[in-house]
């Protein structure tokens, strides 16, 4: 099944992200980036299951409610999925633009959900700035991560 290699890759990436957070103050936020990857490259009928798995893994390693994680990642993946027919997904510039816009949508979704459900870790302007910088870092490495995942063929 294609979900097992994807789950292993997500677990490894989230572990590396956690290590990077321990070493530096800010690390790339890989959750939304993986949701964008699924929206761009996964088969349509497998996006929901893969994003659900991604949200469960991310919620398991973080302090956020799993439902909020799955909801934000699912909305982000389906937004990209609806646009992918008009995009040249193999172009590096397109991947940067879509990753940046996906990160911006993720920030807005986090803010809106944070008004209803208390989310852990991002209190005040400092937390929002940290989240924005981590999203920009993820945008910078997006084509590299997408190429790695596609080369290893771990996506569903």
Protein backbone atom coordinates (compact mmCIF):
# COMPACT_ATOMS: atom_id res chain seq x y z
CA UNK A 1 0.00 0.00 0.00
CA UNK A 2 1.28 3.47 -0.85
CA UNK A 3 0.37 4.94 2.53
CA UNK A 4 3.03 3.03 4.48
CA UNK A 5 6.09 4.55 2.70
CA UNK A 6 4.44 7.96 2.92
CA UNK A 7 3.86 7.53 6.67
CA UNK A 8 7.47 6.49 7.19
CA UNK A 9 8.73 9.47 5.17
CA UNK A 10 6.47 11.86 7.15
CA UNK A 11 7.65 10.42 10.46
CA UNK A 12 11.30 10.83 9.44
CA UNK A 13 10.69 14.39 8.22
CA UNK A 14 8.85 15.37 11.41
CA UNK A 15 11.66 13.87 13.47
CA UNK A 16 14.21 15.92 11.52
CA UNK A 17 12.05 19.00 11.99
CA UNK A 18 11.95 18.40 15.74
CA UNK A 19 15.74 18.05 15.79
CA UNK A 20 16.10 21.30 13.85
CA UNK A 21 13.83 23.09 16.32
CA UNK A 22 16.05 21.87 19.17
CA UNK A 23 19.19 23.17 17.45
CA UNK A 24 17.87 26.46 16.03
CA UNK A 25 15.15 28.86 17.08
CA UNK A 26 13.14 28.40 13.87
CA UNK A 27 12.88 25.42 11.53
CA UNK A 28 10.86 24.90 8.34
CA UNK A 29 7.27 23.89 9.01
CA UNK A 30 6.98 20.69 6.99
CA UNK A 31 3.32 19.85 7.68
CA UNK A 32 1.77 22.42 5.34
CA UNK A 33 4.51 21.76 2.82
CA UNK A 34 3.62 18.07 2.75
CA UNK A 35 -0.06 18.98 2.35
CA UNK A 36 0.86 21.16 -0.65
CA UNK A 37 2.90 18.26 -2.05
CA UNK A 38 -0.11 15.97 -1.74
CA UNK A 39 -2.32 18.54 -3.44
CA UNK A 40 0.13 18.88 -6.33
CA UNK A 41 1.22 15.30 -6.93
CA UNK A 42 -0.96 12.68 -5.20
CA UNK A 43 -3.75 10.81 -6.92
CA UNK A 44 -7.09 12.54 -6.39
CA UNK A 45 -8.76 9.60 -4.68
CA UNK A 46 -5.92 9.21 -2.17
CA UNK A 47 -5.49 12.82 -1.05
CA UNK A 48 -8.00 12.68 1.81
CA UNK A 49 -6.55 9.50 3.31
CA UNK A 50 -2.98 10.72 2.97
CA UNK A 51 -3.77 14.11 4.53
CA UNK A 52 -5.61 12.38 7.36
CA UNK A 53 -2.52 10.24 7.98
CA UNK A 54 -0.31 13.33 7.75
CA UNK A 55 -2.49 15.18 10.26
CA UNK A 56 -2.47 12.26 12.68
CA UNK A 57 1.32 12.00 12.54
CA UNK A 58 1.79 15.74 12.93
CA UNK A 59 -0.73 15.92 15.76
CA UNK A 60 1.00 13.03 17.50
CA UNK A 61 4.36 14.84 17.59
CA UNK A 62 2.99 18.31 18.34
CA UNK A 63 0.94 19.98 21.03
CA UNK A 64 -1.89 20.97 18.69
CA UNK A 65 -5.32 19.32 18.65
CA UNK A 66 -5.35 16.62 15.98
CA UNK A 67 -8.69 17.79 14.58
CA UNK A 68 -7.38 21.30 13.96
CA UNK A 69 -4.25 19.91 12.30
CA UNK A 70 -6.21 17.60 10.02
CA UNK A 71 -8.70 20.35 9.16
CA UNK A 72 -6.06 22.91 8.18
CA UNK A 73 -4.00 20.42 6.18
CA UNK A 74 -7.07 19.01 4.42
CA UNK A 75 -8.29 22.47 3.42
CA UNK A 76 -4.83 23.37 2.15
CA UNK A 77 -4.39 20.15 0.15
CA UNK A 78 -7.81 20.43 -1.48
CA UNK A 79 -7.25 24.08 -2.35
CA UNK A 80 -4.06 23.11 -4.19
CA UNK A 81 -5.80 20.06 -5.68
CA UNK A 82 -8.49 22.24 -7.26
CA UNK A 83 -5.84 24.42 -8.89
CA UNK A 84 -3.38 21.78 -10.04
CA UNK A 85 -5.04 21.23 -13.43
CA UNK A 86 -4.05 24.75 -14.47
CA UNK A 87 -0.56 24.68 -12.95
CA UNK A 88 2.73 23.42 -14.32
CA UNK A 89 3.53 21.42 -11.19
CA UNK A 90 6.96 20.30 -12.39
CA UNK A 91 8.32 23.85 -12.61
CA UNK A 92 10.42 25.03 -9.68
CA UNK A 93 8.96 28.53 -9.78
CA UNK A 94 5.43 27.12 -9.65
CA UNK A 95 6.36 24.99 -6.66
CA UNK A 96 7.78 28.02 -4.85
CA UNK A 97 4.71 30.13 -5.59
CA UNK A 98 2.26 27.41 -4.60
CA UNK A 99 4.24 26.63 -1.42
CA UNK A 100 4.30 30.33 -0.50
CA UNK A 101 0.58 30.82 -1.15
CA UNK A 102 -0.17 27.57 0.65
CA UNK A 103 1.85 28.78 3.63
CA UNK A 104 -0.08 32.06 3.63
CA UNK A 105 -3.40 30.20 3.53
CA UNK A 106 -2.15 27.94 6.33
CA UNK A 107 -1.31 30.97 8.49
CA UNK A 108 -4.77 32.44 7.95
CA UNK A 109 -6.42 29.11 8.74
CA UNK A 110 -4.34 28.81 11.91
CA UNK A 111 -5.37 32.28 12.99
CA UNK A 112 -9.06 31.59 12.36
CA UNK A 113 -9.04 28.20 14.08
CA UNK A 114 -6.94 29.68 16.91
CA UNK A 115 -9.82 32.05 17.65
CA UNK A 116 -12.09 29.08 18.36
CA UNK A 117 -9.74 26.38 19.66
CA UNK A 118 -6.63 27.19 21.69
CA UNK A 119 -3.62 26.00 19.70
CA UNK A 120 -0.36 25.31 21.49
CA UNK A 121 2.84 27.28 21.12
CA UNK A 122 2.04 30.35 19.06
CA UNK A 123 0.90 33.01 21.51
CA UNK A 124 1.05 36.65 20.52
CA UNK A 125 2.96 38.41 17.79
CA UNK A 126 6.20 36.55 18.53
CA UNK A 127 4.58 33.18 17.91
CA UNK A 128 2.97 34.43 14.72
CA UNK A 129 6.29 35.81 13.49
CA UNK A 130 8.00 32.50 14.29
CA UNK A 131 5.29 30.62 12.38
CA UNK A 132 5.63 33.01 9.42
CA UNK A 133 9.42 32.59 9.30
CA UNK A 134 9.12 28.81 9.49
CA UNK A 135 6.63 28.92 6.62
CA UNK A 136 9.04 31.04 4.56
CA UNK A 137 11.85 28.58 5.28
CA UNK A 138 9.60 25.74 4.15
CA UNK A 139 8.84 27.66 0.95
CA UNK A 140 12.56 27.97 0.26
CA UNK A 141 13.12 24.21 0.48
CA UNK A 142 9.86 23.20 -1.23
CA UNK A 143 11.26 22.19 -4.66
CA UNK A 144 14.03 20.19 -3.00
CA UNK A 145 11.62 18.31 -0.74
CA UNK A 146 9.16 17.71 -3.58
CA UNK A 147 11.94 16.33 -5.79
CA UNK A 148 13.16 14.08 -2.97
CA UNK A 149 9.70 12.68 -2.27
CA UNK A 150 8.99 12.12 -5.97
CA UNK A 151 12.38 10.50 -6.55
CA UNK A 152 11.86 8.11 -3.63
CA UNK A 153 8.27 7.51 -4.81
CA UNK A 154 6.81 7.66 -1.33
CA UNK A 155 3.68 9.65 -2.15
CA UNK A 156 0.28 7.96 -2.40
